[in-house]
Amino acid sequence: MTGFGVAIMHPAMPPLARAWMPGRVGFATAVYANGLLIGEILPVSLMLPMVLPWSATVWRLGFVVWAIPCVVIAAIILMTAPRGPPADNDNRVRMPARWWPQWNSGLMWRLGLLLGGVNASYFTSNHFLPDYLNQTGHGDLVGPALVALNVGQLPGVVPVIVVSPDDGAALRDLSGLWRS
């Protein structure tokens, strides 16, 4: 289920942020990234202490509980999404009619490897940590450890929302991190 959500969200959100907020692409990107982080934190922090006891300790019912906000958010997006083609705006970045990555771009490969490595380490940590803690007799720490792992990402998003660079500045800043 998580893989399906990631497979839909990651390719869809950047073009939607560009189409829906052409003058504030950096801000829109920071907001959806923050929403993704909150969506990672809340289920982990609330499943064991609140949702599982409420759902009569049937973990499958807990998944149904977490599906409800997803359906509500999807309905809100359907109702509030812009209709029709976006109005012409000088701030809007023009995309070719048929988009395809620039496979010969060194920046594209560096950013892809950087983001792929970050995602691989994050998902590996989320998978490894619960099993490790259970095997070492610290199963009671699984929830708090996963919450800490996810909350630890929030400080990186706050400055991006406050500054919200646009017009490619975020990409230049991220590529600068790779070079340093």
Protein backbone atom coordinates (compact mmCIF):
# COMPACT_ATOMS: atom_id res chain seq x y z
CA MET A 1 0.00 0.00 0.00
CA THR A 2 2.82 2.40 0.87
CA GLY A 3 4.62 1.63 -2.38
CA PHE A 4 1.46 2.38 -4.35
CA GLY A 5 1.05 5.73 -2.60
CA VAL A 6 4.68 6.65 -3.19
CA ALA A 7 4.46 5.56 -6.83
CA ILE A 8 1.46 7.86 -7.36
CA MET A 9 2.53 10.83 -5.24
CA HIS A 10 6.19 11.29 -6.15
CA PRO A 11 5.72 11.65 -9.93
CA ALA A 12 2.38 13.49 -9.66
CA MET A 13 3.10 16.22 -7.11
CA PRO A 14 5.90 18.22 -8.83
CA PRO A 15 3.89 18.86 -12.01
CA LEU A 16 0.76 19.56 -9.95
CA ALA A 17 2.66 22.04 -7.77
CA ARG A 18 3.91 23.77 -10.92
CA ALA A 19 0.45 23.81 -12.54
CA TRP A 20 -1.54 24.84 -9.46
CA MET A 21 0.88 27.43 -8.05
CA PRO A 22 3.07 28.58 -10.96
CA GLY A 23 4.33 31.65 -9.09
CA ARG A 24 5.11 29.75 -5.87
CA VAL A 25 6.46 26.37 -6.98
CA GLY A 26 9.04 26.25 -4.18
CA PHE A 27 6.41 26.98 -1.54
CA ALA A 28 3.99 24.41 -2.99
CA THR A 29 6.75 21.81 -3.05
CA ALA A 30 7.67 22.55 0.57
CA VAL A 31 4.03 22.30 1.64
CA TYR A 32 3.44 18.93 -0.01
CA ALA A 33 6.77 17.61 1.32
CA ASN A 34 5.71 18.74 4.79
CA GLY A 35 2.34 17.03 4.32
CA LEU A 36 4.16 13.85 3.34
CA LEU A 37 6.23 14.01 6.53
CA ILE A 38 3.16 14.60 8.71
CA GLY A 39 1.54 11.65 6.94
CA GLU A 40 4.53 9.54 7.98
CA ILE A 41 4.57 10.77 11.58
CA LEU A 42 0.89 10.62 12.58
CA PRO A 43 0.19 6.97 11.74
CA VAL A 44 3.36 5.76 13.45
CA SER A 45 2.77 7.83 16.56
CA LEU A 46 -0.96 7.16 16.91
CA MET A 47 -1.41 3.55 15.71
CA LEU A 48 -0.34 1.69 18.85
CA PRO A 49 -1.59 4.03 21.59
CA MET A 50 -4.88 5.18 20.00
CA VAL A 51 -6.01 3.48 16.80
CA LEU A 52 -5.23 -0.14 17.65
CA PRO A 53 -7.05 -0.10 21.02
CA TRP A 54 -9.99 1.67 19.38
CA SER A 55 -10.14 -0.87 16.55
CA ALA A 56 -10.38 -3.80 19.00
CA THR A 57 -6.71 -4.67 18.44
CA VAL A 58 -7.44 -5.80 14.86
CA TRP A 59 -4.58 -4.23 12.95
CA ARG A 60 -6.40 -4.57 9.61
CA LEU A 61 -9.11 -2.29 10.95
CA GLY A 62 -6.37 0.17 11.86
CA PHE A 63 -5.45 0.38 8.16
CA VAL A 64 -9.08 1.18 7.37
CA VAL A 65 -8.98 3.98 9.94
CA TRP A 66 -5.90 5.45 8.23
CA ALA A 67 -7.57 5.16 4.82
CA ILE A 68 -10.32 7.57 5.90
CA PRO A 69 -8.08 10.69 5.92
CA CYS A 70 -6.71 9.64 2.52
CA VAL A 71 -10.22 9.50 1.06
CA VAL A 72 -11.12 12.86 2.65
CA ILE A 73 -7.96 14.52 1.30
CA ALA A 74 -8.58 13.04 -2.17
CA ALA A 75 -12.13 14.45 -2.11
CA ILE A 76 -10.85 17.89 -1.06
CA ILE A 77 -8.30 17.87 -3.88
CA LEU A 78 -10.98 16.84 -6.37
CA MET A 79 -13.26 19.67 -5.23
CA THR A 80 -10.61 22.40 -5.04
CA ALA A 81 -8.21 21.53 -7.87
CA PRO A 82 -8.02 24.09 -10.67
CA ARG A 83 -10.20 23.24 -13.65
CA GLY A 84 -9.05 23.57 -17.22
CA PRO A 85 -5.69 24.77 -18.47
CA PRO A 86 -3.86 27.26 -16.26
CA ALA A 87 -4.00 30.91 -17.24
CA ASP A 88 -0.97 32.28 -19.02
CA ASN A 89 1.41 33.69 -16.47
CA ASP A 90 4.88 35.15 -17.02
CA ASN A 91 6.12 33.34 -13.88
CA ARG A 92 5.12 29.96 -15.25
CA VAL A 93 7.90 27.70 -16.43
CA ARG A 94 7.12 26.39 -19.89
CA MET A 95 7.38 22.63 -20.17
CA PRO A 96 7.63 20.82 -23.48
CA ALA A 97 4.46 19.02 -24.56
CA ARG A 98 6.21 15.69 -24.13
CA TRP A 99 8.47 15.58 -21.11
CA TRP A 100 11.34 13.16 -20.76
CA PRO A 101 14.37 13.38 -18.45
CA GLN A 102 17.56 14.80 -19.88
CA TRP A 103 19.51 11.57 -19.58
CA ASN A 104 22.76 13.28 -20.57
CA SER A 105 22.50 15.87 -17.77
CA GLY A 106 25.06 15.36 -15.02
CA LEU A 107 22.92 17.39 -12.60
CA MET A 108 19.93 15.11 -13.21
CA TRP A 109 22.04 12.02 -12.43
CA ARG A 110 23.63 13.59 -9.33
CA LEU A 111 20.26 14.68 -7.94
CA GLY A 112 18.71 11.30 -8.80
CA LEU A 113 21.50 9.44 -7.02
CA LEU A 114 21.34 11.81 -4.04
CA LEU A 115 17.57 11.49 -3.64
CA GLY A 116 17.64 7.75 -4.37
CA GLY A 117 20.31 7.23 -1.71
CA VAL A 118 18.40 9.31 0.83
CA ASN A 119 15.17 7.41 0.14
CA ALA A 120 16.92 4.03 0.27
CA SER A 121 18.49 4.80 3.64
CA TYR A 122 15.19 6.17 5.00
CA PHE A 123 13.07 3.19 3.95
CA THR A 124 15.77 0.73 5.02
CA SER A 125 15.88 2.35 8.46
CA ASN A 126 12.09 2.20 8.76
CA HIS A 127 12.15 -1.48 7.87
CA PHE A 128 15.22 -2.48 9.89
CA LEU A 129 14.52 -0.62 13.13
CA PRO A 130 11.34 -2.45 14.28
CA ASP A 131 12.81 -5.90 13.62
CA TYR A 132 16.07 -5.01 15.34
CA LEU A 133 14.33 -3.62 18.43
CA ASN A 134 12.00 -6.63 18.65
CA GLN A 135 14.89 -9.09 18.32
CA THR A 136 16.92 -7.34 21.01
CA GLY A 137 14.01 -7.35 23.48
CA HIS A 138 13.11 -3.69 23.12
CA GLY A 139 9.81 -4.04 21.26
CA ASP A 140 8.30 -1.33 23.43
CA LEU A 141 10.63 1.19 21.74
CA VAL A 142 9.47 0.50 18.17
CA GLY A 143 6.80 3.21 18.14
CA PRO A 144 8.91 5.95 19.77
CA ALA A 145 11.94 5.07 17.61
CA LEU A 146 9.94 5.30 14.38
CA VAL A 147 8.36 8.55 15.52
CA ALA A 148 11.82 9.97 16.29
CA LEU A 149 13.12 8.83 12.89
CA ASN A 150 10.26 10.60 11.12
CA VAL A 151 10.08 13.72 13.33
CA GLY A 152 13.82 14.17 12.80
CA GLN A 153 13.07 15.19 9.21
CA LEU A 154 10.81 18.13 10.11
CA PRO A 155 13.55 20.66 10.96
CA GLY A 156 14.75 20.43 7.36
CA VAL A 157 11.34 21.34 5.94
CA VAL A 158 10.60 24.39 8.10
CA PRO A 159 13.28 26.66 6.57
CA VAL A 160 12.19 25.65 3.07
CA ILE A 161 8.59 26.65 3.81
CA VAL A 162 9.69 29.96 5.33
CA VAL A 163 12.13 30.85 2.56
CA SER A 164 10.30 28.97 -0.26
CA PRO A 165 12.72 29.67 -3.08
CA ASP A 166 11.21 29.80 -6.53
CA ASP A 167 12.36 30.09 -10.14
CA GLY A 168 14.79 27.18 -9.91
CA ALA A 169 16.63 28.47 -6.84
CA ALA A 170 15.74 25.32 -4.88
CA LEU A 171 17.25 23.12 -7.57
CA ARG A 172 20.41 25.23 -7.64
CA ASP A 173 20.66 25.08 -3.84
CA LEU A 174 20.17 21.31 -3.81
CA SER A 175 22.76 20.83 -6.53
CA GLY A 176 25.13 23.01 -4.48
CA LEU A 177 24.76 20.56 -1.58
CA TRP A 178 25.99 17.77 -3.84
CA ARG A 179 29.11 19.69 -4.79
CA SER A 180 30.05 20.71 -1.24
